[in-house]
Amino acid sequence: MKKIAPLFALILLLSCSTNTSIVNSWRDPETTISQNKFEKVLVVALVKDETTRRITENRIASGNKIFKVSYPYLNDKNLNLTKEQKIQILKNENFDGVVTMRLVSTEKETQYVPGTNTSLFYGGFGAAYGYGYGFGNWYGMYSPNFYNTGYYKESTIYLVETNIFSLKQNKLIWTGTTKSSYVTDIGETISEIIRTVVKEIQKDGSIEK
């Protein structure tokens, strides 16, 4: 059983592997996120669809108590306010940081998936070529040789930009673009983006690991 357990762990790891990766990033060389010590951060999803906006902001805000969704503060009621007036609203609410996320673009990507030939693993090929003289050989005598032809599959790539602003200094201190593919669940994709961004921020030294 102890030998089987690592195998299941590997399967779980592969099944949970992310489809999101970092494309590029930049941070203010004079400022780190650790130095700012944020206590209350506004999360802003810059999307036109209100449902997607709320899903995105709620997902991020659920990860840490210092994150607060933006729709109670930035909505149709204050849409016509100036940039300075909006910033003042946030300062009056004691926000010291802002995280924004926006969809930069979508792209189509075509990938070739090669075929597989499983005939080598079934039938009497011996231990040097297949599974040996166990169940694999016995099964091979009663089954045809299997071969799956290769094929092309198309997926949509989503490029998302994440920015981190310091309201105390009134400037951008970190920005990065991520690439996500095979998106089936918005909430899970947002979580993957956040995990990827945090990993990159730790890597470039903006925050401690």
N, C-alpha and C. Protein backbone atom coordinates (compact mmCIF):
# COMPACT_ATOMS: atom_id res chain seq x y z
N MET A 1 0.83 -1.21 0.00
CA MET A 1 0.00 0.00 0.00
C MET A 1 0.86 1.25 0.00
N LYS A 2 2.02 1.18 0.67
CA LYS A 2 2.89 2.34 0.73
C LYS A 2 3.46 2.68 -0.63
N LYS A 3 3.65 1.63 -1.48
CA LYS A 3 4.18 1.87 -2.82
C LYS A 3 3.11 2.47 -3.73
N ILE A 4 1.86 2.14 -3.48
CA ILE A 4 0.77 2.62 -4.33
C ILE A 4 0.43 4.08 -4.02
N ALA A 5 0.56 4.48 -2.77
CA ALA A 5 0.17 5.83 -2.34
C ALA A 5 0.84 6.92 -3.15
N PRO A 6 2.18 6.88 -3.39
CA PRO A 6 2.81 7.93 -4.20
C PRO A 6 2.24 8.01 -5.60
N LEU A 7 1.81 6.87 -6.15
CA LEU A 7 1.22 6.88 -7.48
C LEU A 7 -0.07 7.68 -7.50
N PHE A 8 -0.92 7.46 -6.50
CA PHE A 8 -2.17 8.22 -6.42
C PHE A 8 -1.89 9.71 -6.21
N ALA A 9 -0.85 10.00 -5.44
CA ALA A 9 -0.48 11.40 -5.21
C ALA A 9 -0.06 12.05 -6.52
N LEU A 10 0.69 11.30 -7.35
CA LEU A 10 1.12 11.84 -8.63
C LEU A 10 -0.06 12.08 -9.56
N ILE A 11 -1.01 11.13 -9.56
CA ILE A 11 -2.21 11.27 -10.39
C ILE A 11 -3.00 12.51 -9.98
N LEU A 12 -3.14 12.72 -8.68
CA LEU A 12 -3.86 13.90 -8.19
C LEU A 12 -3.14 15.17 -8.59
N LEU A 13 -1.81 15.14 -8.51
CA LEU A 13 -1.03 16.33 -8.87
C LEU A 13 -1.20 16.67 -10.34
N LEU A 14 -1.16 15.64 -11.20
CA LEU A 14 -1.31 15.87 -12.63
C LEU A 14 -2.72 16.33 -12.98
N SER A 15 -3.72 15.76 -12.30
CA SER A 15 -5.10 16.13 -12.60
C SER A 15 -5.42 17.54 -12.15
N CYS A 16 -4.65 18.08 -11.20
CA CYS A 16 -4.88 19.43 -10.68
C CYS A 16 -3.91 20.44 -11.29
N SER A 17 -3.11 20.02 -12.28
CA SER A 17 -2.12 20.91 -12.85
C SER A 17 -2.79 22.11 -13.49
N THR A 18 -2.14 23.25 -13.40
CA THR A 18 -2.74 24.48 -13.86
C THR A 18 -2.59 24.65 -15.36
N ASN A 19 -3.53 25.36 -15.98
CA ASN A 19 -3.46 25.72 -17.38
C ASN A 19 -3.10 27.19 -17.53
N THR A 20 -2.56 27.77 -16.47
CA THR A 20 -2.22 29.19 -16.46
C THR A 20 -0.72 29.36 -16.23
N SER A 21 -0.13 30.25 -17.00
CA SER A 21 1.30 30.54 -16.85
C SER A 21 1.53 32.04 -16.99
N ILE A 22 2.67 32.48 -16.47
CA ILE A 22 3.01 33.91 -16.53
C ILE A 22 3.65 34.21 -17.88
N VAL A 23 3.25 35.29 -18.52
CA VAL A 23 3.82 35.70 -19.79
C VAL A 23 4.92 36.72 -19.57
N ASN A 24 4.62 37.74 -18.80
CA ASN A 24 5.63 38.75 -18.45
C ASN A 24 5.19 39.46 -17.18
N SER A 25 6.12 40.13 -16.54
CA SER A 25 5.81 40.87 -15.32
C SER A 25 6.82 41.99 -15.13
N TRP A 26 6.43 42.96 -14.31
CA TRP A 26 7.30 44.09 -13.99
C TRP A 26 6.96 44.56 -12.59
N ARG A 27 7.97 44.99 -11.85
CA ARG A 27 7.73 45.58 -10.54
C ARG A 27 8.55 46.84 -10.38
N ASP A 28 8.05 47.76 -9.61
CA ASP A 28 8.76 48.99 -9.33
C ASP A 28 10.02 48.65 -8.54
N PRO A 29 11.19 48.93 -9.07
CA PRO A 29 12.43 48.56 -8.39
C PRO A 29 12.62 49.25 -7.04
N GLU A 30 11.90 50.36 -6.83
CA GLU A 30 12.07 51.11 -5.59
C GLU A 30 11.05 50.72 -4.51
N THR A 31 10.09 49.85 -4.89
CA THR A 31 9.00 49.54 -3.97
C THR A 31 8.71 48.04 -4.00
N THR A 32 8.44 47.48 -2.83
CA THR A 32 7.99 46.09 -2.76
C THR A 32 6.63 46.05 -2.06
N ILE A 33 5.91 45.00 -2.30
CA ILE A 33 4.61 44.84 -1.66
C ILE A 33 4.78 44.68 -0.15
N SER A 34 5.85 44.02 0.25
CA SER A 34 6.12 43.83 1.68
C SER A 34 6.32 45.17 2.39
N GLN A 35 6.97 46.11 1.72
CA GLN A 35 7.22 47.41 2.31
C GLN A 35 5.93 48.18 2.56
N ASN A 36 4.95 47.99 1.70
CA ASN A 36 3.70 48.74 1.84
C ASN A 36 2.83 48.23 2.99
N LYS A 37 2.94 46.94 3.30
CA LYS A 37 2.17 46.36 4.41
C LYS A 37 0.68 46.73 4.29
N PHE A 38 0.08 46.30 3.23
CA PHE A 38 -1.32 46.60 2.98
C PHE A 38 -2.22 46.01 4.06
N GLU A 39 -3.21 46.78 4.45
CA GLU A 39 -4.18 46.34 5.45
C GLU A 39 -5.60 46.22 4.87
N LYS A 40 -5.87 46.98 3.80
CA LYS A 40 -7.19 46.93 3.18
C LYS A 40 -7.03 47.20 1.69
N VAL A 41 -7.29 46.18 0.89
CA VAL A 41 -7.03 46.24 -0.55
C VAL A 41 -8.32 46.08 -1.33
N LEU A 42 -8.55 46.99 -2.26
CA LEU A 42 -9.74 46.93 -3.12
C LEU A 42 -9.44 46.04 -4.32
N VAL A 43 -10.36 45.15 -4.64
CA VAL A 43 -10.23 44.27 -5.80
C VAL A 43 -11.17 44.75 -6.89
N VAL A 44 -10.62 45.06 -8.06
CA VAL A 44 -11.42 45.61 -9.16
C VAL A 44 -11.26 44.73 -10.40
N ALA A 45 -12.36 44.14 -10.86
CA ALA A 45 -12.36 43.39 -12.11
C ALA A 45 -12.87 44.31 -13.21
N LEU A 46 -12.02 44.66 -14.15
CA LEU A 46 -12.37 45.61 -15.21
C LEU A 46 -12.99 44.87 -16.38
N VAL A 47 -14.23 44.45 -16.20
CA VAL A 47 -14.98 43.75 -17.25
C VAL A 47 -16.35 44.40 -17.40
N LYS A 48 -16.92 44.30 -18.59
CA LYS A 48 -18.22 44.92 -18.86
C LYS A 48 -19.37 44.13 -18.24
N ASP A 49 -19.24 42.81 -18.23
CA ASP A 49 -20.31 41.96 -17.72
C ASP A 49 -20.31 41.98 -16.19
N GLU A 50 -21.42 42.42 -15.60
CA GLU A 50 -21.49 42.58 -14.15
C GLU A 50 -21.39 41.23 -13.42
N THR A 51 -21.96 40.18 -14.00
CA THR A 51 -21.89 38.87 -13.36
C THR A 51 -20.45 38.37 -13.29
N THR A 52 -19.72 38.51 -14.40
CA THR A 52 -18.32 38.10 -14.42
C THR A 52 -17.51 38.94 -13.45
N ARG A 53 -17.82 40.22 -13.37
CA ARG A 53 -17.13 41.10 -12.44
C ARG A 53 -17.29 40.62 -11.00
N ARG A 54 -18.50 40.30 -10.62
CA ARG A 54 -18.76 39.87 -9.24
C ARG A 54 -18.14 38.51 -8.95
N ILE A 55 -18.20 37.61 -9.92
CA ILE A 55 -17.57 36.29 -9.73
C ILE A 55 -16.07 36.46 -9.50
N THR A 56 -15.45 37.29 -10.33
CA THR A 56 -14.02 37.51 -10.24
C THR A 56 -13.63 38.14 -8.91
N GLU A 57 -14.31 39.21 -8.55
CA GLU A 57 -13.96 39.92 -7.32
C GLU A 57 -14.25 39.07 -6.08
N ASN A 58 -15.36 38.37 -6.09
CA ASN A 58 -15.69 37.52 -4.95
C ASN A 58 -14.66 36.41 -4.77
N ARG A 59 -14.20 35.85 -5.89
CA ARG A 59 -13.22 34.76 -5.83
C ARG A 59 -11.91 35.25 -5.21
N ILE A 60 -11.46 36.41 -5.64
CA ILE A 60 -10.20 36.95 -5.11
C ILE A 60 -10.36 37.34 -3.65
N ALA A 61 -11.47 38.00 -3.34
CA ALA A 61 -11.70 38.47 -1.97
C ALA A 61 -11.81 37.31 -0.97
N SER A 62 -12.23 36.15 -1.45
CA SER A 62 -12.38 35.00 -0.55
C SER A 62 -11.03 34.44 -0.12
N GLY A 63 -9.96 34.86 -0.79
CA GLY A 63 -8.65 34.32 -0.48
C GLY A 63 -7.96 34.97 0.70
N ASN A 64 -8.37 36.18 1.06
CA ASN A 64 -7.71 36.89 2.17
C ASN A 64 -8.66 37.97 2.69
N LYS A 65 -8.69 38.11 3.99
CA LYS A 65 -9.64 39.04 4.60
C LYS A 65 -9.32 40.50 4.31
N ILE A 66 -8.09 40.81 3.86
CA ILE A 66 -7.77 42.21 3.56
C ILE A 66 -8.34 42.63 2.20
N PHE A 67 -8.74 41.67 1.36
CA PHE A 67 -9.30 41.98 0.06
C PHE A 67 -10.79 42.29 0.17
N LYS A 68 -11.20 43.38 -0.48
CA LYS A 68 -12.60 43.80 -0.47
C LYS A 68 -13.07 44.02 -1.91
N VAL A 69 -14.28 43.57 -2.22
CA VAL A 69 -14.82 43.74 -3.57
C VAL A 69 -15.11 45.22 -3.83
N SER A 70 -15.11 45.60 -5.10
CA SER A 70 -15.23 47.02 -5.44
C SER A 70 -16.65 47.48 -5.75
N TYR A 71 -17.54 46.53 -6.09
CA TYR A 71 -18.85 46.97 -6.59
C TYR A 71 -19.70 47.74 -5.59
N PRO A 72 -19.49 47.62 -4.26
CA PRO A 72 -20.24 48.51 -3.36
C PRO A 72 -19.74 49.96 -3.40
N TYR A 73 -18.49 50.14 -3.88
CA TYR A 73 -17.88 51.47 -3.87
C TYR A 73 -17.83 52.10 -5.25
N LEU A 74 -17.54 51.30 -6.27
CA LEU A 74 -17.45 51.80 -7.64
C LEU A 74 -18.56 51.15 -8.46
N ASN A 75 -19.63 51.90 -8.67
CA ASN A 75 -20.80 51.34 -9.37
C ASN A 75 -21.50 52.44 -10.16
N ASP A 76 -22.71 52.16 -10.61
CA ASP A 76 -23.45 53.12 -11.44
C ASP A 76 -23.74 54.44 -10.72
N LYS A 77 -23.79 54.39 -9.40
CA LYS A 77 -24.12 55.60 -8.64
C LYS A 77 -23.02 56.65 -8.72
N ASN A 78 -21.76 56.20 -8.84
CA ASN A 78 -20.66 57.17 -8.92
C ASN A 78 -19.88 57.06 -10.22
N LEU A 79 -20.58 56.59 -11.26
CA LEU A 79 -19.94 56.40 -12.56
C LEU A 79 -19.42 57.70 -13.15
N ASN A 80 -20.10 58.80 -12.88
CA ASN A 80 -19.73 60.08 -13.48
C ASN A 80 -18.75 60.89 -12.64
N LEU A 81 -18.28 60.33 -11.56
CA LEU A 81 -17.30 61.03 -10.73
C LEU A 81 -15.94 61.08 -11.42
N THR A 82 -15.15 62.07 -11.08
CA THR A 82 -13.81 62.17 -11.65
C THR A 82 -12.90 61.12 -11.01
N LYS A 83 -11.74 60.93 -11.62
CA LYS A 83 -10.78 59.97 -11.09
C LYS A 83 -10.35 60.35 -9.68
N GLU A 84 -10.15 61.66 -9.47
CA GLU A 84 -9.74 62.13 -8.15
C GLU A 84 -10.82 61.88 -7.10
N GLN A 85 -12.09 62.05 -7.50
CA GLN A 85 -13.19 61.83 -6.56
C GLN A 85 -13.31 60.34 -6.19
N LYS A 86 -13.09 59.48 -7.16
CA LYS A 86 -13.14 58.05 -6.89
C LYS A 86 -12.02 57.62 -5.95
N ILE A 87 -10.83 58.15 -6.19
CA ILE A 87 -9.70 57.83 -5.31
C ILE A 87 -9.97 58.33 -3.90
N GLN A 88 -10.61 59.50 -3.80
CA GLN A 88 -10.92 60.04 -2.47
C GLN A 88 -11.91 59.14 -1.73
N ILE A 89 -12.88 58.56 -2.45
CA ILE A 89 -13.82 57.63 -1.83
C ILE A 89 -13.07 56.46 -1.21
N LEU A 90 -12.09 55.94 -1.94
CA LEU A 90 -11.31 54.80 -1.45
C LEU A 90 -10.47 55.18 -0.24
N LYS A 91 -9.90 56.37 -0.28
CA LYS A 91 -9.10 56.82 0.87
C LYS A 91 -9.98 57.05 2.09
N ASN A 92 -11.18 57.56 1.86
CA ASN A 92 -12.11 57.77 2.98
C ASN A 92 -12.51 56.44 3.62
N GLU A 93 -12.48 55.37 2.82
CA GLU A 93 -12.81 54.02 3.32
C GLU A 93 -11.57 53.29 3.82
N ASN A 94 -10.45 54.03 3.91
CA ASN A 94 -9.19 53.50 4.45
C ASN A 94 -8.55 52.39 3.60
N PHE A 95 -8.78 52.43 2.30
CA PHE A 95 -8.07 51.50 1.41
C PHE A 95 -6.64 52.02 1.20
N ASP A 96 -5.68 51.12 1.27
CA ASP A 96 -4.30 51.53 1.01
C ASP A 96 -3.70 50.84 -0.21
N GLY A 97 -4.47 49.95 -0.84
CA GLY A 97 -3.99 49.27 -2.04
C GLY A 97 -5.13 48.89 -2.95
N VAL A 98 -4.82 48.68 -4.21
CA VAL A 98 -5.83 48.27 -5.21
C VAL A 98 -5.22 47.18 -6.09
N VAL A 99 -5.99 46.13 -6.33
CA VAL A 99 -5.62 45.09 -7.29
C VAL A 99 -6.64 45.12 -8.41
N THR A 100 -6.18 45.29 -9.64
CA THR A 100 -7.08 45.28 -10.79
C THR A 100 -6.78 44.08 -11.67
N MET A 101 -7.79 43.59 -12.32
CA MET A 101 -7.63 42.48 -13.26
C MET A 101 -8.48 42.77 -14.49
N ARG A 102 -7.88 42.63 -15.66
CA ARG A 102 -8.63 42.88 -16.90
C ARG A 102 -8.20 41.92 -17.99
N LEU A 103 -9.14 41.59 -18.86
CA LEU A 103 -8.86 40.73 -20.00
C LEU A 103 -8.21 41.56 -21.10
N VAL A 104 -6.98 41.20 -21.45
CA VAL A 104 -6.24 41.94 -22.47
C VAL A 104 -6.67 41.51 -23.86
N SER A 105 -6.73 40.20 -24.10
CA SER A 105 -7.11 39.70 -25.41
C SER A 105 -7.39 38.21 -25.33
N THR A 106 -8.03 37.70 -26.37
CA THR A 106 -8.24 36.26 -26.53
C THR A 106 -7.63 35.83 -27.85
N GLU A 107 -7.04 34.65 -27.86
CA GLU A 107 -6.39 34.14 -29.05
C GLU A 107 -6.76 32.67 -29.25
N LYS A 108 -6.76 32.24 -30.49
CA LYS A 108 -7.01 30.84 -30.81
C LYS A 108 -5.68 30.12 -30.96
N GLU A 109 -5.59 28.93 -30.39
CA GLU A 109 -4.36 28.15 -30.47
C GLU A 109 -4.70 26.72 -30.91
N THR A 110 -3.98 26.23 -31.91
CA THR A 110 -4.18 24.86 -32.40
C THR A 110 -2.99 24.00 -31.99
N GLN A 111 -3.30 22.86 -31.40
CA GLN A 111 -2.26 21.97 -30.90
C GLN A 111 -2.47 20.56 -31.46
N TYR A 112 -1.38 19.92 -31.89
CA TYR A 112 -1.47 18.56 -32.41
C TYR A 112 -1.23 17.56 -31.28
N VAL A 113 -2.16 16.63 -31.14
CA VAL A 113 -2.04 15.58 -30.14
C VAL A 113 -1.65 14.30 -30.85
N PRO A 114 -0.44 13.77 -30.63
CA PRO A 114 0.00 12.58 -31.36
C PRO A 114 -0.80 11.34 -30.96
N GLY A 115 -0.86 10.38 -31.87
CA GLY A 115 -1.55 9.13 -31.59
C GLY A 115 -0.76 8.26 -30.63
N THR A 116 -1.40 7.24 -30.10
CA THR A 116 -0.75 6.32 -29.17
C THR A 116 -0.91 4.90 -29.68
N ASN A 117 0.15 4.10 -29.54
CA ASN A 117 0.14 2.70 -29.94
C ASN A 117 0.33 1.85 -28.69
N THR A 118 -0.75 1.25 -28.21
CA THR A 118 -0.67 0.46 -26.97
C THR A 118 -0.40 -1.00 -27.24
N SER A 119 -0.22 -1.38 -28.50
CA SER A 119 -0.01 -2.80 -28.79
C SER A 119 1.28 -3.32 -28.19
N LEU A 120 2.26 -2.41 -27.99
CA LEU A 120 3.53 -2.83 -27.42
C LEU A 120 3.40 -3.25 -25.96
N PHE A 121 2.31 -2.84 -25.31
CA PHE A 121 2.17 -3.12 -23.90
C PHE A 121 1.27 -4.32 -23.63
N TYR A 122 0.76 -4.92 -24.69
CA TYR A 122 -0.12 -6.07 -24.51
C TYR A 122 0.35 -7.20 -25.43
N GLY A 123 0.27 -8.42 -24.96
CA GLY A 123 0.72 -9.55 -25.76
C GLY A 123 2.09 -10.03 -25.32
N GLY A 124 2.55 -11.10 -25.90
CA GLY A 124 3.77 -11.76 -25.40
C GLY A 124 5.04 -11.15 -25.93
N PHE A 125 5.37 -9.95 -25.48
CA PHE A 125 6.61 -9.31 -25.90
C PHE A 125 7.71 -9.48 -24.86
N GLY A 126 7.37 -9.99 -23.69
CA GLY A 126 8.39 -10.16 -22.67
C GLY A 126 8.57 -8.94 -21.82
N ALA A 127 9.27 -9.11 -20.71
CA ALA A 127 9.43 -8.04 -19.72
C ALA A 127 10.21 -6.87 -20.28
N ALA A 128 11.06 -7.13 -21.28
CA ALA A 128 11.89 -6.05 -21.81
C ALA A 128 11.10 -5.06 -22.64
N TYR A 129 9.91 -5.46 -23.15
CA TYR A 129 9.17 -4.61 -24.06
C TYR A 129 7.81 -4.16 -23.53
N GLY A 130 7.26 -4.89 -22.59
CA GLY A 130 5.94 -4.50 -22.12
C GLY A 130 5.82 -4.65 -20.63
N TYR A 131 4.70 -5.18 -20.21
CA TYR A 131 4.46 -5.30 -18.78
C TYR A 131 5.01 -6.61 -18.21
N GLY A 132 5.66 -7.43 -19.05
CA GLY A 132 6.18 -8.68 -18.54
C GLY A 132 5.13 -9.78 -18.65
N TYR A 133 5.41 -10.90 -18.04
CA TYR A 133 4.51 -12.06 -18.15
C TYR A 133 3.46 -12.04 -17.05
N GLY A 134 2.76 -10.95 -16.97
CA GLY A 134 1.67 -10.84 -16.01
C GLY A 134 0.35 -10.71 -16.74
N PHE A 135 -0.55 -9.97 -16.16
CA PHE A 135 -1.89 -9.82 -16.73
C PHE A 135 -1.84 -9.20 -18.12
N GLY A 136 -0.86 -8.32 -18.37
CA GLY A 136 -0.76 -7.68 -19.68
C GLY A 136 -0.63 -8.67 -20.81
N ASN A 137 0.21 -9.71 -20.62
CA ASN A 137 0.38 -10.72 -21.66
C ASN A 137 -0.89 -11.54 -21.86
N TRP A 138 -1.50 -11.91 -20.76
CA TRP A 138 -2.73 -12.71 -20.85
C TRP A 138 -3.82 -11.94 -21.56
N TYR A 139 -3.97 -10.63 -21.20
CA TYR A 139 -5.00 -9.81 -21.81
C TYR A 139 -4.75 -9.62 -23.29
N GLY A 140 -3.46 -9.51 -23.67
CA GLY A 140 -3.11 -9.28 -25.05
C GLY A 140 -3.52 -10.40 -25.98
N MET A 141 -3.61 -11.62 -25.46
CA MET A 141 -3.99 -12.75 -26.30
C MET A 141 -5.46 -12.72 -26.69
N TYR A 142 -6.24 -11.93 -25.99
CA TYR A 142 -7.69 -11.88 -26.24
C TYR A 142 -8.15 -10.51 -26.73
N SER A 143 -7.22 -9.66 -27.11
CA SER A 143 -7.60 -8.31 -27.55
C SER A 143 -6.82 -7.92 -28.78
N PRO A 144 -7.37 -7.03 -29.60
CA PRO A 144 -6.63 -6.55 -30.77
C PRO A 144 -5.57 -5.54 -30.36
N ASN A 145 -4.70 -5.21 -31.28
CA ASN A 145 -3.72 -4.15 -31.02
C ASN A 145 -4.43 -2.81 -31.08
N PHE A 146 -4.13 -1.96 -30.14
CA PHE A 146 -4.83 -0.68 -30.07
C PHE A 146 -3.95 0.43 -30.63
N TYR A 147 -4.56 1.30 -31.43
CA TYR A 147 -3.85 2.46 -31.93
C TYR A 147 -4.83 3.62 -32.09
N ASN A 148 -4.52 4.73 -31.43
CA ASN A 148 -5.33 5.94 -31.54
C ASN A 148 -4.61 6.93 -32.45
N THR A 149 -5.28 7.34 -33.50
CA THR A 149 -4.66 8.28 -34.43
C THR A 149 -4.53 9.66 -33.80
N GLY A 150 -3.55 10.41 -34.27
CA GLY A 150 -3.37 11.76 -33.77
C GLY A 150 -4.45 12.69 -34.29
N TYR A 151 -4.57 13.84 -33.64
CA TYR A 151 -5.60 14.78 -34.06
C TYR A 151 -5.21 16.20 -33.62
N TYR A 152 -5.88 17.18 -34.19
CA TYR A 152 -5.66 18.57 -33.84
C TYR A 152 -6.81 19.05 -32.94
N LYS A 153 -6.47 19.84 -31.94
CA LYS A 153 -7.50 20.42 -31.09
C LYS A 153 -7.26 21.92 -30.94
N GLU A 154 -8.34 22.65 -30.95
CA GLU A 154 -8.26 24.10 -30.87
C GLU A 154 -8.75 24.58 -29.51
N SER A 155 -8.05 25.51 -28.94
CA SER A 155 -8.45 26.07 -27.65
C SER A 155 -8.33 27.59 -27.69
N THR A 156 -9.02 28.23 -26.79
CA THR A 156 -8.96 29.69 -26.68
C THR A 156 -8.01 30.09 -25.57
N ILE A 157 -7.08 30.96 -25.89
CA ILE A 157 -6.10 31.45 -24.92
C ILE A 157 -6.57 32.82 -24.41
N TYR A 158 -6.60 32.97 -23.09
CA TYR A 158 -7.01 34.24 -22.48
C TYR A 158 -5.80 34.91 -21.84
N LEU A 159 -5.51 36.12 -22.28
CA LEU A 159 -4.43 36.91 -21.68
C LEU A 159 -5.04 37.90 -20.70
N VAL A 160 -4.65 37.79 -19.44
CA VAL A 160 -5.22 38.62 -18.38
C VAL A 160 -4.11 39.41 -17.69
N GLU A 161 -4.35 40.70 -17.54
CA GLU A 161 -3.39 41.59 -16.88
C GLU A 161 -3.81 41.84 -15.44
N THR A 162 -2.89 41.65 -14.52
CA THR A 162 -3.13 41.93 -13.10
C THR A 162 -2.20 43.05 -12.66
N ASN A 163 -2.76 44.09 -12.04
CA ASN A 163 -1.98 45.23 -11.57
C ASN A 163 -2.16 45.42 -10.06
N ILE A 164 -1.11 45.84 -9.41
CA ILE A 164 -1.16 46.15 -7.98
C ILE A 164 -0.71 47.60 -7.78
N PHE A 165 -1.60 48.40 -7.19
CA PHE A 165 -1.33 49.82 -6.96
C PHE A 165 -1.20 50.10 -5.46
N SER A 166 -0.33 51.03 -5.15
CA SER A 166 -0.25 51.55 -3.79
C SER A 166 -0.97 52.89 -3.76
N LEU A 167 -2.04 52.98 -2.95
CA LEU A 167 -2.75 54.26 -2.83
C LEU A 167 -1.96 55.25 -1.98
N LYS A 168 -1.15 54.72 -1.07
CA LYS A 168 -0.32 55.62 -0.25
C LYS A 168 0.64 56.41 -1.12
N GLN A 169 1.24 55.70 -2.08
CA GLN A 169 2.22 56.34 -2.97
C GLN A 169 1.58 56.78 -4.29
N ASN A 170 0.33 56.34 -4.51
CA ASN A 170 -0.40 56.67 -5.73
C ASN A 170 0.39 56.28 -6.98
N LYS A 171 0.80 54.99 -7.02
CA LYS A 171 1.52 54.53 -8.20
C LYS A 171 1.41 53.01 -8.34
N LEU A 172 1.69 52.55 -9.56
CA LEU A 172 1.71 51.13 -9.86
C LEU A 172 3.00 50.54 -9.32
N ILE A 173 2.90 49.44 -8.57
CA ILE A 173 4.11 48.83 -8.03
C ILE A 173 4.38 47.43 -8.59
N TRP A 174 3.36 46.82 -9.22
CA TRP A 174 3.58 45.51 -9.86
C TRP A 174 2.53 45.29 -10.94
N THR A 175 2.96 44.68 -12.05
CA THR A 175 2.02 44.32 -13.11
C THR A 175 2.50 43.03 -13.77
N GLY A 176 1.57 42.22 -14.19
CA GLY A 176 1.93 40.98 -14.85
C GLY A 176 0.81 40.50 -15.75
N THR A 177 1.16 39.76 -16.78
CA THR A 177 0.19 39.20 -17.71
C THR A 177 0.28 37.68 -17.66
N THR A 178 -0.86 37.04 -17.54
CA THR A 178 -0.92 35.58 -17.51
C THR A 178 -1.65 35.06 -18.73
N LYS A 179 -1.34 33.81 -19.08
CA LYS A 179 -1.99 33.14 -20.20
C LYS A 179 -2.72 31.91 -19.67
N SER A 180 -4.02 31.83 -19.95
CA SER A 180 -4.83 30.70 -19.49
C SER A 180 -5.49 30.01 -20.68
N SER A 181 -5.52 28.68 -20.63
CA SER A 181 -6.15 27.91 -21.71
C SER A 181 -7.09 26.86 -21.12
N TYR A 182 -7.94 26.32 -21.98
CA TYR A 182 -8.91 25.29 -21.58
C TYR A 182 -9.76 25.77 -20.40
N VAL A 183 -10.27 26.98 -20.52
CA VAL A 183 -11.08 27.58 -19.45
C VAL A 183 -12.49 27.01 -19.50
N THR A 184 -12.89 26.37 -18.42
CA THR A 184 -14.25 25.83 -18.31
C THR A 184 -14.99 26.42 -17.13
N ASP A 185 -14.25 26.93 -16.16
CA ASP A 185 -14.87 27.51 -14.96
C ASP A 185 -14.16 28.82 -14.64
N ILE A 186 -14.91 29.91 -14.67
CA ILE A 186 -14.32 31.24 -14.45
C ILE A 186 -13.68 31.33 -13.06
N GLY A 187 -14.41 30.86 -12.05
CA GLY A 187 -13.91 30.95 -10.69
C GLY A 187 -12.60 30.22 -10.51
N GLU A 188 -12.50 29.00 -11.01
CA GLU A 188 -11.28 28.21 -10.87
C GLU A 188 -10.13 28.85 -11.64
N THR A 189 -10.44 29.41 -12.83
CA THR A 189 -9.41 30.07 -13.61
C THR A 189 -8.87 31.29 -12.87
N ILE A 190 -9.74 32.04 -12.23
CA ILE A 190 -9.31 33.19 -11.43
C ILE A 190 -8.37 32.74 -10.32
N SER A 191 -8.72 31.63 -9.66
CA SER A 191 -7.87 31.10 -8.60
C SER A 191 -6.50 30.71 -9.15
N GLU A 192 -6.48 30.11 -10.34
CA GLU A 192 -5.22 29.73 -10.97
C GLU A 192 -4.37 30.96 -11.29
N ILE A 193 -5.03 32.01 -11.78
CA ILE A 193 -4.31 33.25 -12.09
C ILE A 193 -3.69 33.84 -10.83
N ILE A 194 -4.46 33.86 -9.74
CA ILE A 194 -3.95 34.41 -8.49
C ILE A 194 -2.77 33.60 -7.98
N ARG A 195 -2.88 32.26 -8.04
CA ARG A 195 -1.77 31.41 -7.60
C ARG A 195 -0.52 31.67 -8.44
N THR A 196 -0.71 31.83 -9.75
CA THR A 196 0.42 32.09 -10.64
C THR A 196 1.04 33.44 -10.36
N VAL A 197 0.20 34.45 -10.12
CA VAL A 197 0.70 35.80 -9.82
C VAL A 197 1.46 35.80 -8.51
N VAL A 198 0.90 35.17 -7.48
CA VAL A 198 1.57 35.12 -6.17
C VAL A 198 2.93 34.44 -6.29
N LYS A 199 2.99 33.35 -7.05
CA LYS A 199 4.25 32.63 -7.23
C LYS A 199 5.28 33.52 -7.90
N GLU A 200 4.85 34.32 -8.90
CA GLU A 200 5.77 35.21 -9.60
C GLU A 200 6.21 36.35 -8.68
N ILE A 201 5.29 36.86 -7.87
CA ILE A 201 5.63 37.94 -6.94
C ILE A 201 6.64 37.46 -5.91
N GLN A 202 6.48 36.23 -5.45
CA GLN A 202 7.44 35.66 -4.53
C GLN A 202 8.80 35.47 -5.21
N LYS A 203 8.75 35.07 -6.47
CA LYS A 203 9.98 34.82 -7.22
C LYS A 203 10.79 36.09 -7.43
N ASP A 204 10.09 37.21 -7.73
CA ASP A 204 10.85 38.45 -7.99
C ASP A 204 11.18 39.23 -6.72
N GLY A 205 10.78 38.70 -5.56
CA GLY A 205 11.17 39.30 -4.30
C GLY A 205 10.26 40.39 -3.78
N SER A 206 9.08 40.56 -4.40
CA SER A 206 8.15 41.60 -3.94
C SER A 206 7.55 41.24 -2.58
N ILE A 207 7.34 39.95 -2.33
CA ILE A 207 6.90 39.50 -1.03
C ILE A 207 7.71 38.26 -0.64
N GLU A 208 7.70 37.95 0.65
CA GLU A 208 8.42 36.78 1.11
C GLU A 208 7.64 35.52 0.76
N LYS A 209 8.37 34.42 0.59
CA LYS A 209 7.72 33.15 0.27
C LYS A 209 6.97 32.63 1.50
